[in-house]
């Protein structure tokens, strides 16, 4: 079965599978606040429900993240996107791609799905406006052929958000 996000992915390496099973077990014992892992039989793709934090622009709103793990996770970052409809946010494109440095250049194998989720929620929570990135339409049009956000040359110019 191939996914719609580009070429078919390679199966997880033994290291990646072991690491993900461990992360999943830890998640079940101690899930990050505001997140729910939706069980699937596919260790390589997680769907995670995100609940907007109380007192923020996204309070009481629910979104879904799709996390796809590469063959060499955690040496390589997972691909994390919001499923439709993505939250309105200056760093989240309408196709669900997220402009967040830890998902790309600043990824570290010490990070976990939980820590990534917490960073995404914190990015959502700190937003003061609900709007798309300025270049949303152009970017989404360029991604139409199923490009992965990991193929984008991101420009992280705003450290405050």
N, C-alpha and C. Protein backbone atom coordinates (compact mmCIF):
# COMPACT_ATOMS: atom_id res chain seq x y z
N UNK A 1 0.84 -1.19 0.00
CA UNK A 1 0.00 0.00 0.00
C UNK A 1 0.88 1.24 0.00
N UNK A 2 0.70 2.12 -0.95
CA UNK A 2 1.49 3.34 -0.94
C UNK A 2 0.64 4.49 -0.46
N UNK A 3 1.31 5.46 0.12
CA UNK A 3 0.57 6.61 0.63
C UNK A 3 0.52 7.68 -0.45
N UNK A 4 -0.30 8.68 -0.21
CA UNK A 4 -0.41 9.73 -1.22
C UNK A 4 0.71 10.75 -1.08
N UNK A 5 1.55 10.60 -0.06
CA UNK A 5 2.60 11.61 0.11
C UNK A 5 3.89 11.15 -0.57
N UNK A 6 3.90 11.23 -1.88
CA UNK A 6 5.12 10.96 -2.63
C UNK A 6 5.40 9.49 -2.79
N UNK A 7 6.67 9.16 -3.05
CA UNK A 7 7.05 7.78 -3.35
C UNK A 7 6.80 6.87 -2.15
N UNK A 8 6.64 5.58 -2.38
CA UNK A 8 6.35 4.68 -1.27
C UNK A 8 7.55 4.65 -0.33
N UNK A 9 7.24 4.60 0.95
CA UNK A 9 8.32 4.68 1.92
C UNK A 9 8.90 3.30 2.20
N UNK A 10 10.14 3.30 2.64
CA UNK A 10 10.78 2.05 3.03
C UNK A 10 10.27 1.67 4.40
N UNK A 11 10.26 0.38 4.67
CA UNK A 11 9.85 -0.10 5.98
C UNK A 11 10.81 0.44 7.04
N UNK A 12 10.32 0.49 8.26
CA UNK A 12 11.16 0.97 9.36
C UNK A 12 12.32 0.02 9.58
N UNK A 13 13.46 0.58 9.92
CA UNK A 13 14.59 -0.26 10.33
C UNK A 13 14.24 -0.85 11.70
N UNK A 14 15.00 -1.86 12.10
CA UNK A 14 14.76 -2.49 13.40
C UNK A 14 14.90 -1.46 14.52
N UNK A 15 15.90 -0.60 14.40
CA UNK A 15 16.13 0.43 15.42
C UNK A 15 14.91 1.35 15.51
N UNK A 16 14.42 1.78 14.34
CA UNK A 16 13.27 2.69 14.31
C UNK A 16 12.04 2.01 14.92
N UNK A 17 11.80 0.76 14.54
CA UNK A 17 10.62 0.06 15.06
C UNK A 17 10.70 -0.10 16.57
N UNK A 18 11.88 -0.46 17.08
CA UNK A 18 12.05 -0.61 18.53
C UNK A 18 11.83 0.71 19.23
N UNK A 19 12.41 1.76 18.69
CA UNK A 19 12.29 3.07 19.30
C UNK A 19 10.82 3.51 19.33
N UNK A 20 10.10 3.29 18.22
CA UNK A 20 8.70 3.71 18.16
C UNK A 20 7.83 2.90 19.11
N UNK A 21 8.12 1.61 19.24
CA UNK A 21 7.33 0.81 20.18
C UNK A 21 7.54 1.31 21.60
N UNK A 22 8.77 1.69 21.90
CA UNK A 22 9.08 2.23 23.22
C UNK A 22 8.36 3.57 23.42
N UNK A 23 8.41 4.44 22.41
CA UNK A 23 7.73 5.74 22.53
C UNK A 23 6.23 5.56 22.71
N UNK A 24 5.66 4.61 21.96
CA UNK A 24 4.22 4.37 22.04
C UNK A 24 3.85 3.88 23.44
N UNK A 25 4.66 2.98 23.98
CA UNK A 25 4.40 2.45 25.32
C UNK A 25 4.47 3.58 26.35
N UNK A 26 5.48 4.44 26.21
CA UNK A 26 5.61 5.57 27.15
C UNK A 26 4.43 6.53 27.00
N UNK A 27 4.02 6.74 25.75
CA UNK A 27 2.88 7.64 25.47
C UNK A 27 1.64 7.12 26.18
N UNK A 28 1.43 5.78 26.13
CA UNK A 28 0.21 5.23 26.74
C UNK A 28 0.21 5.42 28.26
N UNK A 29 1.40 5.38 28.86
CA UNK A 29 1.51 5.58 30.30
C UNK A 29 1.40 7.06 30.64
N UNK A 30 2.02 7.90 29.81
CA UNK A 30 2.14 9.31 30.15
C UNK A 30 1.99 10.18 28.91
N UNK A 31 0.76 10.30 28.37
CA UNK A 31 0.60 11.10 27.15
C UNK A 31 0.79 12.58 27.43
N UNK A 32 1.33 13.32 26.45
CA UNK A 32 1.46 14.77 26.67
C UNK A 32 0.08 15.40 26.80
N UNK A 33 -0.06 16.38 27.68
CA UNK A 33 -1.36 17.01 27.91
C UNK A 33 -1.91 17.61 26.63
N UNK A 34 -3.18 17.34 26.32
CA UNK A 34 -3.82 17.93 25.15
C UNK A 34 -3.70 17.07 23.90
N UNK A 35 -3.13 15.85 24.03
CA UNK A 35 -2.96 15.00 22.85
C UNK A 35 -3.53 13.61 23.07
N UNK A 36 -4.06 13.04 21.99
CA UNK A 36 -4.58 11.68 22.04
C UNK A 36 -4.08 10.93 20.82
N UNK A 37 -3.42 9.80 21.04
CA UNK A 37 -2.94 8.97 19.93
C UNK A 37 -4.12 8.12 19.47
N UNK A 38 -4.43 8.16 18.19
CA UNK A 38 -5.53 7.34 17.68
C UNK A 38 -4.94 6.02 17.21
N UNK A 39 -5.36 4.93 17.85
CA UNK A 39 -4.74 3.64 17.54
C UNK A 39 -4.94 3.24 16.07
N UNK A 40 -3.85 2.80 15.45
CA UNK A 40 -3.94 2.21 14.11
C UNK A 40 -3.02 0.99 14.15
N UNK A 41 -3.05 0.19 13.12
CA UNK A 41 -2.17 -0.97 13.14
C UNK A 41 -0.87 -0.65 12.41
N UNK A 42 -0.64 0.63 12.14
CA UNK A 42 0.54 1.02 11.38
C UNK A 42 1.49 1.81 12.26
N UNK A 43 2.58 1.17 12.66
CA UNK A 43 3.55 1.83 13.53
C UNK A 43 4.23 3.00 12.82
N UNK A 44 4.23 2.97 11.49
CA UNK A 44 4.97 3.96 10.72
C UNK A 44 4.19 5.26 10.51
N UNK A 45 2.89 5.23 10.74
CA UNK A 45 2.08 6.45 10.61
C UNK A 45 1.20 6.58 11.84
N UNK A 46 1.41 7.62 12.61
CA UNK A 46 0.56 7.88 13.76
C UNK A 46 -0.39 9.02 13.42
N UNK A 47 -1.61 8.92 13.94
CA UNK A 47 -2.54 10.05 13.85
C UNK A 47 -2.80 10.48 15.29
N UNK A 48 -2.58 11.76 15.54
CA UNK A 48 -2.66 12.28 16.90
C UNK A 48 -3.65 13.42 16.94
N UNK A 49 -4.55 13.32 17.91
CA UNK A 49 -5.54 14.37 18.07
C UNK A 49 -4.95 15.46 18.97
N UNK A 50 -5.10 16.71 18.53
CA UNK A 50 -4.55 17.85 19.27
C UNK A 50 -5.72 18.68 19.76
N UNK A 51 -5.74 18.98 21.05
CA UNK A 51 -6.79 19.84 21.61
C UNK A 51 -6.18 21.20 21.91
N UNK A 52 -6.76 22.25 21.33
CA UNK A 52 -6.26 23.61 21.58
C UNK A 52 -6.23 23.90 23.07
N UNK A 53 -5.17 24.53 23.54
CA UNK A 53 -5.01 24.80 24.98
C UNK A 53 -6.00 25.84 25.47
N UNK A 54 -6.53 25.65 26.68
CA UNK A 54 -7.45 26.63 27.27
C UNK A 54 -6.80 28.00 27.32
N UNK A 55 -7.61 29.05 27.10
CA UNK A 55 -7.08 30.40 27.21
C UNK A 55 -6.27 30.85 25.99
N UNK A 56 -6.25 30.04 24.91
CA UNK A 56 -5.54 30.47 23.70
C UNK A 56 -6.57 30.66 22.58
N UNK A 57 -6.11 31.15 21.43
CA UNK A 57 -7.00 31.33 20.28
C UNK A 57 -7.63 30.01 19.83
N UNK A 58 -6.99 28.89 20.18
CA UNK A 58 -7.44 27.59 19.68
C UNK A 58 -8.15 26.76 20.75
N UNK A 59 -8.52 27.41 21.88
CA UNK A 59 -9.18 26.70 22.97
C UNK A 59 -10.40 25.94 22.45
N UNK A 60 -10.56 24.72 22.93
CA UNK A 60 -11.71 23.85 22.58
C UNK A 60 -11.76 23.45 21.11
N UNK A 61 -10.73 23.73 20.34
CA UNK A 61 -10.72 23.27 18.95
C UNK A 61 -9.88 22.01 18.88
N UNK A 62 -10.28 21.09 18.01
CA UNK A 62 -9.55 19.84 17.87
C UNK A 62 -8.99 19.72 16.47
N UNK A 63 -7.73 19.32 16.38
CA UNK A 63 -7.08 19.12 15.09
C UNK A 63 -6.43 17.75 15.09
N UNK A 64 -6.02 17.31 13.91
CA UNK A 64 -5.32 16.04 13.85
C UNK A 64 -3.98 16.20 13.17
N UNK A 65 -2.96 15.63 13.81
CA UNK A 65 -1.63 15.60 13.23
C UNK A 65 -1.40 14.21 12.64
N UNK A 66 -0.76 14.18 11.50
CA UNK A 66 -0.34 12.89 10.95
C UNK A 66 1.18 12.86 11.01
N UNK A 67 1.72 11.82 11.64
CA UNK A 67 3.16 11.70 11.81
C UNK A 67 3.62 10.47 11.04
N UNK A 68 4.45 10.70 10.03
CA UNK A 68 5.00 9.59 9.24
C UNK A 68 6.47 9.43 9.58
N UNK A 69 6.86 8.21 9.94
CA UNK A 69 8.23 7.98 10.36
C UNK A 69 9.07 7.41 9.23
N UNK A 70 10.25 7.98 9.02
CA UNK A 70 11.15 7.49 7.97
C UNK A 70 11.84 6.20 8.42
N UNK A 71 12.43 5.53 7.48
CA UNK A 71 13.11 4.25 7.74
C UNK A 71 14.14 4.40 8.87
N UNK A 72 14.86 5.53 8.90
CA UNK A 72 15.95 5.67 9.87
C UNK A 72 15.62 6.59 11.04
N UNK A 73 14.33 6.67 11.41
CA UNK A 73 13.96 7.37 12.64
C UNK A 73 14.72 6.70 13.79
N UNK A 74 15.20 7.39 14.80
CA UNK A 74 15.15 8.82 15.05
C UNK A 74 16.35 9.61 14.48
N UNK A 75 17.19 8.97 13.67
CA UNK A 75 18.30 9.73 13.08
C UNK A 75 17.75 10.76 12.09
N UNK A 76 16.59 10.44 11.56
CA UNK A 76 15.93 11.32 10.59
C UNK A 76 14.60 11.78 11.19
N UNK A 77 14.25 13.04 10.97
CA UNK A 77 13.02 13.58 11.55
C UNK A 77 11.79 12.92 10.93
N UNK A 78 10.71 12.78 11.71
CA UNK A 78 9.45 12.32 11.12
C UNK A 78 8.85 13.45 10.28
N UNK A 79 7.94 13.09 9.39
CA UNK A 79 7.20 14.12 8.66
C UNK A 79 5.92 14.35 9.44
N UNK A 80 5.68 15.59 9.85
CA UNK A 80 4.51 15.91 10.66
C UNK A 80 3.69 16.95 9.93
N UNK A 81 2.42 16.62 9.66
CA UNK A 81 1.53 17.60 9.02
C UNK A 81 0.17 17.58 9.73
N UNK A 82 -0.55 18.67 9.60
CA UNK A 82 -1.93 18.70 10.09
C UNK A 82 -2.83 18.13 9.01
N UNK A 83 -3.75 17.25 9.39
CA UNK A 83 -4.76 16.78 8.45
C UNK A 83 -5.80 17.88 8.29
N UNK A 84 -6.50 17.87 7.16
CA UNK A 84 -7.49 18.90 6.87
C UNK A 84 -8.64 18.83 7.87
N UNK A 85 -9.16 19.92 8.39
CA UNK A 85 -8.71 21.28 8.17
C UNK A 85 -7.59 21.66 9.15
N UNK A 86 -6.53 22.25 8.63
CA UNK A 86 -5.40 22.67 9.47
C UNK A 86 -5.79 23.95 10.22
N UNK A 87 -5.22 24.14 11.41
CA UNK A 87 -5.52 25.38 12.14
C UNK A 87 -5.04 26.61 11.35
N UNK A 88 -5.77 27.71 11.51
CA UNK A 88 -5.34 28.99 10.92
C UNK A 88 -4.22 29.53 11.79
N UNK A 89 -3.01 29.60 11.25
CA UNK A 89 -1.86 30.01 12.05
C UNK A 89 -0.79 30.54 11.10
N UNK A 90 -0.04 31.58 11.52
CA UNK A 90 0.98 32.17 10.64
C UNK A 90 2.09 31.21 10.19
N UNK A 91 2.23 30.06 10.86
CA UNK A 91 3.27 29.10 10.47
C UNK A 91 2.70 27.76 10.01
N UNK A 92 1.40 27.73 9.72
CA UNK A 92 0.78 26.48 9.25
C UNK A 92 0.06 26.76 7.94
N UNK A 93 0.47 26.03 6.92
CA UNK A 93 -0.12 26.24 5.59
C UNK A 93 -1.45 25.50 5.48
N UNK A 94 -2.29 25.94 4.55
CA UNK A 94 -3.63 25.35 4.45
C UNK A 94 -3.56 23.88 4.04
N UNK A 95 -2.42 23.43 3.48
CA UNK A 95 -2.29 22.01 3.15
C UNK A 95 -1.76 21.20 4.34
N UNK A 96 -1.62 21.86 5.50
CA UNK A 96 -1.22 21.14 6.71
C UNK A 96 0.27 21.17 7.01
N UNK A 97 1.07 21.69 6.07
CA UNK A 97 2.51 21.74 6.32
C UNK A 97 2.81 22.75 7.43
N UNK A 98 3.78 22.40 8.27
CA UNK A 98 4.09 23.21 9.44
C UNK A 98 5.52 23.76 9.31
N UNK A 99 5.65 25.05 9.48
CA UNK A 99 6.97 25.68 9.42
C UNK A 99 7.52 25.75 10.85
N UNK A 100 8.23 24.72 11.26
CA UNK A 100 8.77 24.64 12.62
C UNK A 100 10.14 23.99 12.52
N UNK A 101 11.18 24.71 12.95
CA UNK A 101 12.55 24.25 12.68
C UNK A 101 12.88 22.85 13.20
N UNK A 102 12.31 22.45 14.34
CA UNK A 102 12.68 21.12 14.87
C UNK A 102 12.22 19.97 13.97
N UNK A 103 11.29 20.26 13.06
CA UNK A 103 10.84 19.19 12.15
C UNK A 103 11.80 19.03 10.97
N UNK A 104 12.75 19.94 10.85
CA UNK A 104 13.65 19.92 9.70
C UNK A 104 15.09 20.05 10.18
N UNK A 105 15.68 21.25 10.02
CA UNK A 105 17.10 21.44 10.31
C UNK A 105 17.48 21.26 11.78
N UNK A 106 16.58 21.57 12.68
CA UNK A 106 16.95 21.50 14.10
C UNK A 106 16.51 20.20 14.76
N UNK A 107 16.13 19.22 13.99
CA UNK A 107 15.74 17.92 14.55
C UNK A 107 16.92 17.29 15.27
N UNK A 108 16.64 16.62 16.38
CA UNK A 108 17.68 15.87 17.08
C UNK A 108 17.11 14.50 17.44
N UNK A 109 17.92 13.44 17.34
CA UNK A 109 17.44 12.09 17.66
C UNK A 109 16.98 11.96 19.11
N UNK A 110 17.35 12.94 19.95
CA UNK A 110 16.89 12.88 21.34
C UNK A 110 15.42 13.27 21.46
N UNK A 111 14.87 13.91 20.43
CA UNK A 111 13.46 14.33 20.47
C UNK A 111 12.55 13.12 20.28
N UNK A 112 11.34 13.26 20.80
CA UNK A 112 10.36 12.18 20.68
C UNK A 112 9.09 12.76 20.07
N UNK A 113 8.15 11.88 19.76
CA UNK A 113 6.86 12.36 19.25
C UNK A 113 6.23 13.29 20.29
N UNK A 114 6.33 12.91 21.56
CA UNK A 114 5.76 13.75 22.62
C UNK A 114 6.38 15.14 22.62
N UNK A 115 7.71 15.22 22.52
CA UNK A 115 8.33 16.55 22.58
C UNK A 115 7.96 17.37 21.34
N UNK A 116 7.82 16.71 20.19
CA UNK A 116 7.40 17.43 18.98
C UNK A 116 5.97 17.96 19.17
N UNK A 117 5.09 17.13 19.70
CA UNK A 117 3.70 17.55 19.94
C UNK A 117 3.66 18.77 20.86
N UNK A 118 4.45 18.73 21.92
CA UNK A 118 4.46 19.83 22.87
C UNK A 118 4.95 21.11 22.19
N UNK A 119 5.96 20.99 21.33
CA UNK A 119 6.45 22.18 20.59
C UNK A 119 5.38 22.74 19.67
N UNK A 120 4.65 21.84 19.00
CA UNK A 120 3.59 22.29 18.07
C UNK A 120 2.48 23.00 18.86
N UNK A 121 2.11 22.41 20.01
CA UNK A 121 1.05 23.02 20.81
C UNK A 121 1.51 24.38 21.34
N UNK A 122 2.77 24.46 21.72
CA UNK A 122 3.27 25.73 22.23
C UNK A 122 3.30 26.78 21.11
N UNK A 123 3.64 26.35 19.89
CA UNK A 123 3.60 27.26 18.74
C UNK A 123 2.16 27.75 18.51
N UNK A 124 1.20 26.83 18.60
CA UNK A 124 -0.21 27.22 18.43
C UNK A 124 -0.60 28.19 19.55
N UNK A 125 -0.25 27.83 20.77
CA UNK A 125 -0.71 28.59 21.94
C UNK A 125 -0.17 30.00 21.97
N UNK A 126 1.04 30.21 21.40
CA UNK A 126 1.63 31.54 21.50
C UNK A 126 1.17 32.47 20.39
N UNK A 127 0.36 31.96 19.47
CA UNK A 127 -0.07 32.80 18.37
C UNK A 127 -1.10 33.84 18.82
N UNK A 128 -0.97 35.06 18.29
CA UNK A 128 -1.91 36.11 18.67
C UNK A 128 -2.91 36.39 17.55
N UNK A 129 -2.68 35.79 16.37
CA UNK A 129 -3.62 35.98 15.27
C UNK A 129 -3.90 34.65 14.60
N UNK A 130 -5.14 34.53 14.11
CA UNK A 130 -5.49 33.34 13.33
C UNK A 130 -5.43 33.73 11.87
N UNK A 131 -4.31 33.42 11.23
CA UNK A 131 -4.20 33.72 9.81
C UNK A 131 -3.21 32.78 9.17
N UNK A 132 -3.32 32.63 7.86
CA UNK A 132 -2.38 31.79 7.11
C UNK A 132 -1.08 32.55 6.90
N UNK A 133 0.01 31.81 6.63
CA UNK A 133 1.26 32.48 6.26
C UNK A 133 1.05 33.36 5.03
N UNK A 134 1.83 34.43 4.92
CA UNK A 134 1.66 35.38 3.82
C UNK A 134 1.77 34.71 2.45
N UNK A 135 2.65 33.71 2.34
CA UNK A 135 2.86 33.08 1.03
C UNK A 135 2.08 31.78 0.87
N UNK A 136 0.99 31.63 1.65
CA UNK A 136 0.25 30.37 1.66
C UNK A 136 -0.16 29.88 0.27
N UNK A 137 -0.80 30.75 -0.52
CA UNK A 137 -1.35 30.28 -1.80
C UNK A 137 -0.25 29.80 -2.74
N UNK A 138 0.82 30.58 -2.79
CA UNK A 138 1.93 30.21 -3.67
C UNK A 138 2.55 28.89 -3.22
N UNK A 139 2.77 28.78 -1.91
CA UNK A 139 3.40 27.58 -1.37
C UNK A 139 2.54 26.33 -1.65
N UNK A 140 1.26 26.44 -1.35
CA UNK A 140 0.37 25.28 -1.52
C UNK A 140 0.30 24.87 -2.99
N UNK A 141 0.28 25.86 -3.88
CA UNK A 141 0.26 25.55 -5.31
C UNK A 141 1.52 24.78 -5.72
N UNK A 142 2.66 25.19 -5.17
CA UNK A 142 3.92 24.51 -5.48
C UNK A 142 3.99 23.10 -4.91
N UNK A 143 3.18 22.82 -3.91
CA UNK A 143 3.22 21.50 -3.27
C UNK A 143 2.22 20.54 -3.89
N UNK A 144 1.51 20.99 -4.90
CA UNK A 144 0.40 20.21 -5.38
C UNK A 144 0.74 18.79 -5.81
N UNK A 145 1.95 18.57 -6.29
CA UNK A 145 2.28 17.23 -6.77
C UNK A 145 2.70 16.29 -5.64
N UNK A 146 2.09 16.48 -4.47
CA UNK A 146 2.37 15.56 -3.38
C UNK A 146 3.74 15.75 -2.76
N UNK A 147 4.28 16.97 -2.89
CA UNK A 147 5.58 17.20 -2.27
C UNK A 147 5.52 17.11 -0.76
N UNK A 148 6.54 16.54 -0.19
CA UNK A 148 6.63 16.46 1.26
C UNK A 148 7.14 17.79 1.80
N UNK A 149 6.67 18.18 3.01
CA UNK A 149 7.20 19.41 3.59
C UNK A 149 8.71 19.30 3.83
N UNK A 150 9.22 18.07 3.91
CA UNK A 150 10.66 17.90 4.16
C UNK A 150 11.48 18.25 2.92
N UNK A 151 10.82 18.40 1.76
CA UNK A 151 11.54 18.80 0.55
C UNK A 151 11.57 20.32 0.40
N UNK A 152 10.90 21.01 1.29
CA UNK A 152 10.84 22.47 1.22
C UNK A 152 12.11 23.07 1.82
N UNK A 153 12.63 24.11 1.18
CA UNK A 153 13.74 24.85 1.80
C UNK A 153 13.09 25.89 2.71
N UNK A 154 12.93 25.57 3.97
CA UNK A 154 12.27 26.49 4.89
C UNK A 154 13.21 27.63 5.24
N UNK A 155 12.62 28.74 5.53
CA UNK A 155 13.38 29.90 5.94
C UNK A 155 12.83 30.31 7.30
N UNK A 156 13.53 30.00 8.37
CA UNK A 156 13.01 30.27 9.71
C UNK A 156 13.42 31.67 10.12
N UNK A 157 12.58 32.63 9.80
CA UNK A 157 12.98 34.01 10.02
C UNK A 157 12.35 34.61 11.24
N UNK A 158 11.44 33.89 11.86
CA UNK A 158 10.71 34.49 12.97
C UNK A 158 10.89 33.65 14.22
N UNK A 159 11.77 34.05 15.10
CA UNK A 159 12.05 33.25 16.29
C UNK A 159 11.00 33.45 17.38
N UNK A 160 10.16 34.46 17.22
CA UNK A 160 9.25 34.78 18.32
C UNK A 160 8.03 33.89 18.33
N UNK A 161 7.66 33.32 17.18
CA UNK A 161 6.39 32.59 17.12
C UNK A 161 6.64 31.11 17.32
